[in-house]
Amino acid sequence: MTAETDDRDALVEAITREVLAALAGSSGDPCRDCLGACAAHSSDKVRTVVANGATRITYQGDGVEVPRDLARYIDHTLLRPDATAAEIDRLCAEAREYRFAAVCINPVWVRRAAANLRGSEVPVASVVGFPFGATTGEVKAIEARRAIRDGAREIDMVINIGALKSGLQDVVREDVARVSDACHESGALNKVIIETALLTDEEKVIACRLAQLGRADYVKTSTGYASGGATVFDVALMRETVGPRMGVKAAGGIRTAEDVEEMVAAGATRIGASAGVRIVTGGSKQGREQH
């Protein structure tokens, strides 16, 4: 371990103590309702990551290329703005055939995906306030309820980034809480994307703490649409902030087996990436690169 690493670890600890102390007067209960993406270029490496504790892995390539024993950990994802109905149908067919953990799509396709997956064990996940988080909490809650009504069982919402950077903590917490309420009243999960590339370290800790206070089920690093994705430092900071009971998902910029292993070691319970088919074929085949 280098001096630089020691300094970073010390910084993580100091920032966490400081921000949690500043938020200690909040009335929310960080543990209430807490529960508890792709991986690499090698199937064997992915199996190692799963064995080390990853509970779900996001994959965004061709279903036919996925080893069947890995599929149950994979969120099969298609969030490109130019995705077509035929591509959504293909995504769902692959998910049904290979028993993926979920499909993750934009809200406009939820009803179609739910119809395609009816009778299967594959749930539909959708996004809210995506990718900028710049709509109001009320609108996000309406969007979440509509997606859930159309058949979604998991919601990935983007935090109100501008409010966070303005120091409007109550606005951010309420933004998350509105969507959490919309999700939990129907038994769905709320996953909060904090978009780490746009935040300072202190803001990352505050964002995670506010997501806890807003009763989110877990926090996620990135949408894939900002300037950067997950880092080991960010995942460790997020895990230290939320503790062991809340999920942490690392997403964006994860391209190698070593990246994944480091993220899991830092505290990630789900991993997200757009490496596509190469994740499960050891780099022997190319998949579709998409958010």
C-alpha atoms as a PDB file:
ATOM      1  CA  MET A   1       0.000   0.000   0.000  1.00  0.00           C
ATOM      2  CA  THR A   2       1.446   3.382  -1.038  1.00  0.00           C
ATOM      3  CA  ALA A   3       1.467   6.642   0.865  1.00  0.00           C
ATOM      4  CA  GLU A   4      -0.951   7.999  -1.707  1.00  0.00           C
ATOM      5  CA  THR A   5      -3.360   5.153  -0.999  1.00  0.00           C
ATOM      6  CA  ASP A   6      -3.036   5.775   2.740  1.00  0.00           C
ATOM      7  CA  ASP A   7      -3.813   9.437   2.175  1.00  0.00           C
ATOM      8  CA  ARG A   8      -6.900   8.602   0.099  1.00  0.00           C
ATOM      9  CA  ASP A   9      -8.163   6.154   2.721  1.00  0.00           C
ATOM     10  CA  ALA A  10      -7.656   8.762   5.404  1.00  0.00           C
ATOM     11  CA  LEU A  11      -9.509  11.292   3.295  1.00  0.00           C
ATOM     12  CA  VAL A  12     -12.428   8.914   2.832  1.00  0.00           C
ATOM     13  CA  GLU A  13     -12.667   8.346   6.558  1.00  0.00           C
ATOM     14  CA  ALA A  14     -12.360  12.026   7.420  1.00  0.00           C
ATOM     15  CA  ILE A  15     -14.954  13.133   4.866  1.00  0.00           C
ATOM     16  CA  THR A  16     -17.389  10.467   5.981  1.00  0.00           C
ATOM     17  CA  ARG A  17     -17.080  11.403   9.653  1.00  0.00           C
ATOM     18  CA  GLU A  18     -17.490  15.086   8.899  1.00  0.00           C
ATOM     19  CA  VAL A  19     -20.511  14.762   6.631  1.00  0.00           C
ATOM     20  CA  LEU A  20     -22.308  12.197   8.758  1.00  0.00           C
ATOM     21  CA  ALA A  21     -21.794  14.436  11.778  1.00  0.00           C
ATOM     22  CA  ALA A  22     -23.273  17.359   9.843  1.00  0.00           C
ATOM     23  CA  LEU A  23     -26.305  15.260   8.952  1.00  0.00           C
ATOM     24  CA  ALA A  24     -26.709  13.665  12.386  1.00  0.00           C
ATOM     25  CA  GLY A  25     -29.604  15.932  13.231  1.00  0.00           C
ATOM     26  CA  SER A  26     -31.686  14.636  10.350  1.00  0.00           C
ATOM     27  CA  SER A  27     -34.911  12.933  11.378  1.00  0.00           C
ATOM     28  CA  GLY A  28     -34.670  10.119   8.834  1.00  0.00           C
ATOM     29  CA  ASP A  29     -33.777   6.544   9.749  1.00  0.00           C
ATOM     30  CA  PRO A  30     -30.951   5.376   7.474  1.00  0.00           C
ATOM     31  CA  CYS A  31     -31.633   1.700   8.126  1.00  0.00           C
ATOM     32  CA  ARG A  32     -35.389   1.692   7.576  1.00  0.00           C
ATOM     33  CA  ASP A  33     -36.421  -0.328   4.521  1.00  0.00           C
ATOM     34  CA  CYS A  34     -32.781  -0.904   3.449  1.00  0.00           C
ATOM     35  CA  LEU A  35     -32.187  -4.023   1.312  1.00  0.00           C
ATOM     36  CA  GLY A  36     -29.062  -5.786   0.780  1.00  0.00           C
ATOM     37  CA  ALA A  37     -23.644  -4.729 -13.663  1.00  0.00           C
ATOM     38  CA  CYS A  38     -20.863  -5.755 -16.660  1.00  0.00           C
ATOM     39  CA  ALA A  39     -18.014  -7.531 -15.279  1.00  0.00           C
ATOM     40  CA  ALA A  40     -15.001  -8.464 -17.351  1.00  0.00           C
ATOM     41  CA  HIS A  41     -13.538 -10.125 -20.396  1.00  0.00           C
ATOM     42  CA  SER A  42     -13.618 -13.672 -19.081  1.00  0.00           C
ATOM     43  CA  SER A  43     -16.367 -16.025 -17.956  1.00  0.00           C
ATOM     44  CA  ASP A  44     -14.048 -17.514 -15.351  1.00  0.00           C
ATOM     45  CA  LYS A  45     -13.262 -14.056 -14.003  1.00  0.00           C
ATOM     46  CA  VAL A  46     -16.986 -13.260 -13.782  1.00  0.00           C
ATOM     47  CA  ARG A  47     -17.602 -16.468 -11.873  1.00  0.00           C
ATOM     48  CA  THR A  48     -14.872 -15.412  -9.453  1.00  0.00           C
ATOM     49  CA  VAL A  49     -16.568 -12.040  -8.966  1.00  0.00           C
ATOM     50  CA  VAL A  50     -19.907 -13.763  -8.284  1.00  0.00           C
ATOM     51  CA  ALA A  51     -18.220 -16.116  -5.818  1.00  0.00           C
ATOM     52  CA  ASN A  52     -16.733 -13.085  -4.074  1.00  0.00           C
ATOM     53  CA  GLY A  53     -20.186 -11.662  -3.399  1.00  0.00           C
ATOM     54  CA  ALA A  54     -21.583  -9.816  -6.423  1.00  0.00           C
ATOM     55  CA  THR A  55     -25.343 -10.362  -6.500  1.00  0.00           C
ATOM     56  CA  ARG A  56     -26.101  -9.052  -9.972  1.00  0.00           C
ATOM     57  CA  ILE A  57     -24.149  -8.113 -13.064  1.00  0.00           C
ATOM     58  CA  THR A  58     -25.343  -5.880 -15.888  1.00  0.00           C
ATOM     59  CA  TYR A  59     -24.757  -7.155 -19.411  1.00  0.00           C
ATOM     60  CA  GLN A  60     -25.578  -5.378 -22.633  1.00  0.00           C
ATOM     61  CA  GLY A  61     -24.704  -7.727 -25.457  1.00  0.00           C
ATOM     62  CA  ASP A  62     -26.170 -10.759 -27.203  1.00  0.00           C
ATOM     63  CA  GLY A  63     -27.946 -13.233 -24.972  1.00  0.00           C
ATOM     64  CA  VAL A  64     -26.753 -16.199 -26.996  1.00  0.00           C
ATOM     65  CA  GLU A  65     -23.187 -15.456 -25.907  1.00  0.00           C
ATOM     66  CA  VAL A  66     -23.890 -15.649 -22.174  1.00  0.00           C
ATOM     67  CA  PRO A  67     -22.935 -18.765 -20.192  1.00  0.00           C
ATOM     68  CA  ARG A  68     -26.168 -19.994 -18.648  1.00  0.00           C
ATOM     69  CA  ASP A  69     -24.783 -20.132 -15.122  1.00  0.00           C
ATOM     70  CA  LEU A  70     -24.049 -16.380 -15.204  1.00  0.00           C
ATOM     71  CA  ALA A  71     -27.307 -15.146 -16.689  1.00  0.00           C
ATOM     72  CA  ARG A  72     -29.176 -15.062 -13.383  1.00  0.00           C
ATOM     73  CA  TYR A  73     -26.797 -12.327 -12.155  1.00  0.00           C
ATOM     74  CA  ILE A  74     -27.180 -10.100 -15.196  1.00  0.00           C
ATOM     75  CA  ASP A  75     -29.329  -7.026 -15.831  1.00  0.00           C
ATOM     76  CA  HIS A  76     -29.849  -7.094 -19.599  1.00  0.00           C
ATOM     77  CA  THR A  77     -29.826  -3.387 -20.480  1.00  0.00           C
ATOM     78  CA  LEU A  78     -30.786  -1.194 -23.421  1.00  0.00           C
ATOM     79  CA  LEU A  79     -31.084   2.546 -22.684  1.00  0.00           C
ATOM     80  CA  ARG A  80     -29.957   4.044 -25.977  1.00  0.00           C
ATOM     81  CA  PRO A  81     -32.277   6.826 -27.159  1.00  0.00           C
ATOM     82  CA  ASP A  82     -32.446   5.246 -30.626  1.00  0.00           C
ATOM     83  CA  ALA A  83     -33.428   1.774 -29.416  1.00  0.00           C
ATOM     84  CA  THR A  84     -36.158   0.298 -31.612  1.00  0.00           C
ATOM     85  CA  ALA A  85     -39.156  -1.891 -30.843  1.00  0.00           C
ATOM     86  CA  ALA A  86     -37.437  -4.790 -32.575  1.00  0.00           C
ATOM     87  CA  GLU A  87     -34.377  -4.375 -30.356  1.00  0.00           C
ATOM     88  CA  ILE A  88     -36.538  -4.310 -27.228  1.00  0.00           C
ATOM     89  CA  ASP A  89     -38.283  -7.489 -28.381  1.00  0.00           C
ATOM     90  CA  ARG A  90     -34.908  -9.124 -28.954  1.00  0.00           C
ATOM     91  CA  LEU A  91     -33.679  -8.007 -25.537  1.00  0.00           C
ATOM     92  CA  CYS A  92     -36.707  -9.551 -23.865  1.00  0.00           C
ATOM     93  CA  ALA A  93     -36.493 -12.761 -25.879  1.00  0.00           C
ATOM     94  CA  GLU A  94     -32.883 -13.167 -24.796  1.00  0.00           C
ATOM     95  CA  ALA A  95     -33.773 -12.403 -21.201  1.00  0.00           C
ATOM     96  CA  ARG A  96     -36.567 -14.978 -21.213  1.00  0.00           C
ATOM     97  CA  GLU A  97     -34.478 -17.655 -22.918  1.00  0.00           C
ATOM     98  CA  TYR A  98     -31.379 -17.223 -20.780  1.00  0.00           C
ATOM     99  CA  ARG A  99     -33.169 -16.211 -17.551  1.00  0.00           C
ATOM    100  CA  PHE A 100     -31.459 -12.893 -17.005  1.00  0.00           C
ATOM    101  CA  ALA A 101     -31.976 -11.203 -13.631  1.00  0.00           C
ATOM    102  CA  ALA A 102     -33.842  -8.294 -15.258  1.00  0.00           C
ATOM    103  CA  VAL A 103     -34.149  -6.163 -18.350  1.00  0.00           C
ATOM    104  CA  CYS A 104     -33.495  -2.425 -17.940  1.00  0.00           C
ATOM    105  CA  ILE A 105     -35.078  -0.087 -20.477  1.00  0.00           C
ATOM    106  CA  ASN A 106     -36.451   3.417 -20.929  1.00  0.00           C
ATOM    107  CA  PRO A 107     -40.009   4.026 -19.633  1.00  0.00           C
ATOM    108  CA  VAL A 108     -41.609   4.182 -23.072  1.00  0.00           C
ATOM    109  CA  TRP A 109     -40.805   0.482 -23.580  1.00  0.00           C
ATOM    110  CA  VAL A 110     -41.881  -0.855 -20.175  1.00  0.00           C
ATOM    111  CA  ARG A 111     -45.337  -2.015 -21.202  1.00  0.00           C
ATOM    112  CA  ARG A 112     -43.990  -3.745 -24.296  1.00  0.00           C
ATOM    113  CA  ALA A 113     -41.243  -5.431 -22.293  1.00  0.00           C
ATOM    114  CA  ALA A 114     -43.641  -6.520 -19.554  1.00  0.00           C
ATOM    115  CA  ALA A 115     -45.910  -8.076 -22.185  1.00  0.00           C
ATOM    116  CA  ASN A 116     -42.967  -9.862 -23.759  1.00  0.00           C
ATOM    117  CA  LEU A 117     -41.852 -11.205 -20.384  1.00  0.00           C
ATOM    118  CA  ARG A 118     -45.290 -12.138 -19.024  1.00  0.00           C
ATOM    119  CA  GLY A 119     -45.179 -15.622 -17.531  1.00  0.00           C
ATOM    120  CA  SER A 120     -41.413 -15.540 -17.055  1.00  0.00           C
ATOM    121  CA  GLU A 121     -39.449 -14.848 -13.884  1.00  0.00           C
ATOM    122  CA  VAL A 122     -37.566 -11.921 -15.446  1.00  0.00           C
ATOM    123  CA  PRO A 123     -38.579  -8.519 -13.997  1.00  0.00           C
ATOM    124  CA  VAL A 124     -38.528  -5.208 -15.841  1.00  0.00           C
ATOM    125  CA  ALA A 125     -36.417  -2.302 -14.558  1.00  0.00           C
ATOM    126  CA  SER A 126     -36.786   1.250 -15.827  1.00  0.00           C
ATOM    127  CA  VAL A 127     -35.241   4.678 -15.324  1.00  0.00           C
ATOM    128  CA  VAL A 128     -36.676   7.881 -13.854  1.00  0.00           C
ATOM    129  CA  GLY A 129     -35.418  11.438 -14.331  1.00  0.00           C
ATOM    130  CA  PHE A 130     -32.869   9.915 -16.679  1.00  0.00           C
ATOM    131  CA  PRO A 131     -30.148  10.841 -17.454  1.00  0.00           C
ATOM    132  CA  PHE A 132     -29.909  14.318 -15.847  1.00  0.00           C
ATOM    133  CA  GLY A 133     -32.109  14.128 -12.748  1.00  0.00           C
ATOM    134  CA  ALA A 134     -33.337  17.643 -13.464  1.00  0.00           C
ATOM    135  CA  THR A 135     -37.076  17.072 -13.104  1.00  0.00           C
ATOM    136  CA  THR A 136     -38.959  17.640  -9.846  1.00  0.00           C
ATOM    137  CA  GLY A 137     -39.487  14.968  -7.218  1.00  0.00           C
ATOM    138  CA  GLU A 138     -43.229  15.085  -7.865  1.00  0.00           C
ATOM    139  CA  VAL A 139     -42.720  14.375 -11.553  1.00  0.00           C
ATOM    140  CA  LYS A 140     -40.199  11.614 -10.809  1.00  0.00           C
ATOM    141  CA  ALA A 141     -42.716   9.941  -8.493  1.00  0.00           C
ATOM    142  CA  ILE A 142     -45.404  10.131 -11.168  1.00  0.00           C
ATOM    143  CA  GLU A 143     -42.964   8.718 -13.704  1.00  0.00           C
ATOM    144  CA  ALA A 144     -42.044   5.898 -11.318  1.00  0.00           C
ATOM    145  CA  ARG A 145     -45.678   5.032 -10.589  1.00  0.00           C
ATOM    146  CA  ARG A 146     -46.464   4.983 -14.301  1.00  0.00           C
ATOM    147  CA  ALA A 147     -43.523   2.692 -15.023  1.00  0.00           C
ATOM    148  CA  ILE A 148     -44.538   0.413 -12.167  1.00  0.00           C
ATOM    149  CA  ARG A 149     -48.140   0.402 -13.354  1.00  0.00           C
ATOM    150  CA  ASP A 150     -46.877  -0.554 -16.808  1.00  0.00           C
ATOM    151  CA  GLY A 151     -44.951  -3.458 -15.318  1.00  0.00           C
ATOM    152  CA  ALA A 152     -41.597  -2.279 -13.905  1.00  0.00           C
ATOM    153  CA  ARG A 153     -40.401  -3.846 -10.657  1.00  0.00           C
ATOM    154  CA  GLU A 154     -37.197  -1.830 -10.239  1.00  0.00           C
ATOM    155  CA  ILE A 155     -36.626   1.901 -10.710  1.00  0.00           C
ATOM    156  CA  ASP A 156     -33.288   3.634 -11.285  1.00  0.00           C
ATOM    157  CA  MET A 157     -33.745   7.320 -10.488  1.00  0.00           C
ATOM    158  CA  VAL A 158     -31.200  10.091 -10.989  1.00  0.00           C
ATOM    159  CA  ILE A 159     -30.675  12.346  -7.989  1.00  0.00           C
ATOM    160  CA  ASN A 160     -31.363  16.092  -8.187  1.00  0.00           C
ATOM    161  CA  ILE A 161     -27.741  16.975  -8.877  1.00  0.00           C
ATOM    162  CA  GLY A 162     -28.216  20.738  -9.094  1.00  0.00           C
ATOM    163  CA  ALA A 163     -30.030  20.867  -5.755  1.00  0.00           C
ATOM    164  CA  LEU A 164     -27.287  18.829  -4.137  1.00  0.00           C
ATOM    165  CA  LYS A 165     -24.560  21.133  -5.411  1.00  0.00           C
ATOM    166  CA  SER A 166     -26.597  24.119  -4.200  1.00  0.00           C
ATOM    167  CA  GLY A 167     -26.674  22.749  -0.656  1.00  0.00           C
ATOM    168  CA  LEU A 168     -30.437  22.092  -0.772  1.00  0.00           C
ATOM    169  CA  GLN A 169     -30.286  18.858   1.199  1.00  0.00           C
ATOM    170  CA  ASP A 170     -33.971  18.739   2.114  1.00  0.00           C
ATOM    171  CA  VAL A 171     -34.886  19.029  -1.568  1.00  0.00           C
ATOM    172  CA  VAL A 172     -32.607  16.127  -2.454  1.00  0.00           C
ATOM    173  CA  ARG A 173     -33.860  13.918   0.371  1.00  0.00           C
ATOM    174  CA  GLU A 174     -37.481  14.615  -0.490  1.00  0.00           C
ATOM    175  CA  ASP A 175     -36.744  13.960  -4.170  1.00  0.00           C
ATOM    176  CA  VAL A 176     -35.505  10.481  -3.268  1.00  0.00           C
ATOM    177  CA  ALA A 177     -38.226   9.863  -0.683  1.00  0.00           C
ATOM    178  CA  ARG A 178     -41.023  10.589  -3.164  1.00  0.00           C
ATOM    179  CA  VAL A 179     -39.701   7.946  -5.541  1.00  0.00           C
ATOM    180  CA  SER A 180     -38.999   5.503  -2.699  1.00  0.00           C
ATOM    181  CA  ASP A 181     -42.608   5.839  -1.559  1.00  0.00           C
ATOM    182  CA  ALA A 182     -43.851   5.285  -5.100  1.00  0.00           C
ATOM    183  CA  CYS A 183     -41.700   2.166  -5.384  1.00  0.00           C
ATOM    184  CA  HIS A 184     -42.260   0.642  -1.972  1.00  0.00           C
ATOM    185  CA  GLU A 185     -46.025   0.989  -2.027  1.00  0.00           C
ATOM    186  CA  SER A 186     -45.967  -1.520  -4.892  1.00  0.00           C
ATOM    187  CA  GLY A 187     -43.060  -3.657  -3.708  1.00  0.00           C
ATOM    188  CA  ALA A 188     -40.603  -2.240  -6.237  1.00  0.00           C
ATOM    189  CA  LEU A 189     -36.981  -1.224  -5.573  1.00  0.00           C
ATOM    190  CA  ASN A 190     -35.588   2.306  -5.739  1.00  0.00           C
ATOM    191  CA  LYS A 191     -31.970   2.678  -6.884  1.00  0.00           C
ATOM    192  CA  VAL A 192     -30.495   6.179  -6.682  1.00  0.00           C
ATOM    193  CA  ILE A 193     -27.916   7.244  -9.263  1.00  0.00           C
ATOM    194  CA  ILE A 194     -25.771  10.007  -7.768  1.00  0.00           C
ATOM    195  CA  GLU A 195     -23.603  10.646 -10.888  1.00  0.00           C
ATOM    196  CA  THR A 196     -20.230  10.708  -9.140  1.00  0.00           C
ATOM    197  CA  ALA A 197     -18.398  12.324 -12.070  1.00  0.00           C
ATOM    198  CA  LEU A 198     -20.241  15.582 -11.370  1.00  0.00           C
ATOM    199  CA  LEU A 199     -19.697  15.652  -7.598  1.00  0.00           C
ATOM    200  CA  THR A 200     -16.929  16.461  -5.170  1.00  0.00           C
ATOM    201  CA  ASP A 201     -16.003  13.776  -2.653  1.00  0.00           C
ATOM    202  CA  GLU A 202     -17.942  15.547   0.071  1.00  0.00           C
ATOM    203  CA  GLU A 203     -20.975  15.821  -2.201  1.00  0.00           C
ATOM    204  CA  LYS A 204     -20.783  12.081  -2.924  1.00  0.00           C
ATOM    205  CA  VAL A 205     -20.974  11.310   0.784  1.00  0.00           C
ATOM    206  CA  ILE A 206     -23.842  13.753   1.292  1.00  0.00           C
ATOM    207  CA  ALA A 207     -25.686  12.276  -1.705  1.00  0.00           C
ATOM    208  CA  CYS A 208     -25.372   8.741  -0.353  1.00  0.00           C
ATOM    209  CA  ARG A 209     -26.488   9.776   3.100  1.00  0.00           C
ATOM    210  CA  LEU A 210     -29.502  11.630   1.691  1.00  0.00           C
ATOM    211  CA  ALA A 211     -30.405   8.583  -0.410  1.00  0.00           C
ATOM    212  CA  GLN A 212     -30.390   6.555   2.811  1.00  0.00           C
ATOM    213  CA  LEU A 213     -32.562   9.097   4.560  1.00  0.00           C
ATOM    214  CA  GLY A 214     -34.889   8.997   1.544  1.00  0.00           C
ATOM    215  CA  ARG A 215     -35.269   5.223   2.083  1.00  0.00           C
ATOM    216  CA  ALA A 216     -33.642   4.156  -1.184  1.00  0.00           C
ATOM    217  CA  ASP A 217     -32.694   0.504  -1.553  1.00  0.00           C
ATOM    218  CA  TYR A 218     -29.251   1.240  -2.925  1.00  0.00           C
ATOM    219  CA  VAL A 219     -27.014   3.851  -4.491  1.00  0.00           C
ATOM    220  CA  LYS A 220     -25.385   3.702  -7.912  1.00  0.00           C
ATOM    221  CA  THR A 221     -22.376   5.592  -9.224  1.00  0.00           C
ATOM    222  CA  SER A 222     -23.307   6.665 -12.741  1.00  0.00           C
ATOM    223  CA  THR A 223     -25.786   6.868 -15.604  1.00  0.00           C
ATOM    224  CA  GLY A 224     -23.133   6.287 -18.250  1.00  0.00           C
ATOM    225  CA  TYR A 225     -23.949   9.642 -19.828  1.00  0.00           C
ATOM    226  CA  ALA A 226     -21.648  11.912 -17.792  1.00  0.00           C
ATOM    227  CA  SER A 227     -17.933  12.478 -18.275  1.00  0.00           C
ATOM    228  CA  GLY A 228     -16.838   9.555 -16.113  1.00  0.00           C
ATOM    229  CA  GLY A 229     -17.996   6.388 -14.430  1.00  0.00           C
ATOM    230  CA  ALA A 230     -17.203   4.334 -11.369  1.00  0.00           C
ATOM    231  CA  THR A 231     -13.872   4.395  -9.555  1.00  0.00           C
ATOM    232  CA  VAL A 232     -12.646   2.217  -6.706  1.00  0.00           C
ATOM    233  CA  PHE A 233     -12.301   5.349  -4.577  1.00  0.00           C
ATOM    234  CA  ASP A 234     -15.947   6.292  -5.201  1.00  0.00           C
ATOM    235  CA  VAL A 235     -17.245   2.814  -4.431  1.00  0.00           C
ATOM    236  CA  ALA A 236     -15.257   2.650  -1.191  1.00  0.00           C
ATOM    237  CA  LEU A 237     -16.508   6.090  -0.217  1.00  0.00           C
ATOM    238  CA  MET A 238     -20.108   5.131  -0.956  1.00  0.00           C
ATOM    239  CA  ARG A 239     -19.849   1.848   0.912  1.00  0.00           C
ATOM    240  CA  GLU A 240     -18.273   3.507   3.943  1.00  0.00           C
ATOM    241  CA  THR A 241     -21.063   6.079   3.958  1.00  0.00           C
ATOM    242  CA  VAL A 242     -24.068   3.746   3.661  1.00  0.00           C
ATOM    243  CA  GLY A 243     -22.713   0.855   5.718  1.00  0.00           C
ATOM    244  CA  PRO A 244     -23.172  -2.866   5.060  1.00  0.00           C
ATOM    245  CA  ARG A 245     -26.951  -3.096   4.689  1.00  0.00           C
ATOM    246  CA  MET A 246     -27.567  -0.887   1.668  1.00  0.00           C
ATOM    247  CA  GLY A 247     -26.667  -1.909  -1.863  1.00  0.00           C
ATOM    248  CA  VAL A 248     -23.931  -0.154  -3.850  1.00  0.00           C
ATOM    249  CA  LYS A 249     -23.772  -0.461  -7.614  1.00  0.00           C
ATOM    250  CA  ALA A 250     -20.671   0.470  -9.587  1.00  0.00           C
ATOM    251  CA  ALA A 251     -21.429   1.401 -13.190  1.00  0.00           C
ATOM    252  CA  GLY A 252     -19.595   3.129 -16.001  1.00  0.00           C
ATOM    253  CA  GLY A 253     -16.014   2.716 -17.193  1.00  0.00           C
ATOM    254  CA  ILE A 254     -15.642  -0.868 -15.946  1.00  0.00           C
ATOM    255  CA  ARG A 255     -13.844  -2.772 -18.701  1.00  0.00           C
ATOM    256  CA  THR A 256     -11.571  -5.453 -17.232  1.00  0.00           C
ATOM    257  CA  ALA A 257     -11.686  -8.324 -14.782  1.00  0.00           C
ATOM    258  CA  GLU A 258      -9.290  -6.446 -12.553  1.00  0.00           C
ATOM    259  CA  ASP A 259     -11.647  -3.443 -12.515  1.00  0.00           C
ATOM    260  CA  VAL A 260     -14.506  -5.649 -11.357  1.00  0.00           C
ATOM    261  CA  GLU A 261     -12.533  -7.425  -8.676  1.00  0.00           C
ATOM    262  CA  GLU A 262     -11.393  -4.080  -7.271  1.00  0.00           C
ATOM    263  CA  MET A 263     -14.963  -2.725  -7.268  1.00  0.00           C
ATOM    264  CA  VAL A 264     -16.291  -5.779  -5.430  1.00  0.00           C
ATOM    265  CA  ALA A 265     -13.437  -5.587  -2.928  1.00  0.00           C
ATOM    266  CA  ALA A 266     -14.276  -1.910  -2.368  1.00  0.00           C
ATOM    267  CA  GLY A 267     -17.864  -2.766  -1.476  1.00  0.00           C
ATOM    268  CA  ALA A 268     -19.931  -2.983  -4.685  1.00  0.00           C
ATOM    269  CA  THR A 269     -22.761  -5.540  -4.639  1.00  0.00           C
ATOM    270  CA  ARG A 270     -23.722  -4.991  -8.275  1.00  0.00           C
ATOM    271  CA  ILE A 271     -21.553  -4.086 -11.240  1.00  0.00           C
ATOM    272  CA  GLY A 272     -22.630  -2.287 -14.414  1.00  0.00           C
ATOM    273  CA  ALA A 273     -20.704  -1.812 -17.645  1.00  0.00           C
ATOM    274  CA  SER A 274     -21.140  -1.684 -21.394  1.00  0.00           C
ATOM    275  CA  ALA A 275     -18.384  -4.105 -22.359  1.00  0.00           C
ATOM    276  CA  GLY A 276     -21.049  -6.275 -23.966  1.00  0.00           C
ATOM    277  CA  VAL A 277     -20.310  -9.722 -25.252  1.00  0.00           C
ATOM    278  CA  ARG A 278     -16.621  -9.492 -24.363  1.00  0.00           C
ATOM    279  CA  ILE A 279     -17.590  -9.619 -20.695  1.00  0.00           C
ATOM    280  CA  VAL A 280     -18.628 -13.257 -20.906  1.00  0.00           C
ATOM    281  CA  THR A 281     -16.597 -14.521 -23.861  1.00  0.00           C
ATOM    282  CA  GLY A 282     -13.110 -13.630 -22.750  1.00  0.00           C
ATOM    283  CA  GLY A 283     -12.831 -10.962 -25.433  1.00  0.00           C
ATOM    284  CA  SER A 284     -13.361 -13.441 -28.265  1.00  0.00           C
ATOM    285  CA  LYS A 285     -16.498 -11.760 -29.615  1.00  0.00           C
ATOM    286  CA  GLN A 286     -17.698  -8.197 -29.903  1.00  0.00           C
ATOM    287  CA  GLY A 287     -21.043  -7.100 -28.529  1.00  0.00           C
ATOM    288  CA  ARG A 288     -23.124  -3.986 -28.847  1.00  0.00           C
ATOM    289  CA  GLU A 289     -21.735  -1.072 -26.870  1.00  0.00           C
ATOM    290  CA  GLN A 290     -24.607   0.823 -25.304  1.00  0.00           C
ATOM    291  CA  HIS A 291     -25.607   2.614 -22.135  1.00  0.00           C
END
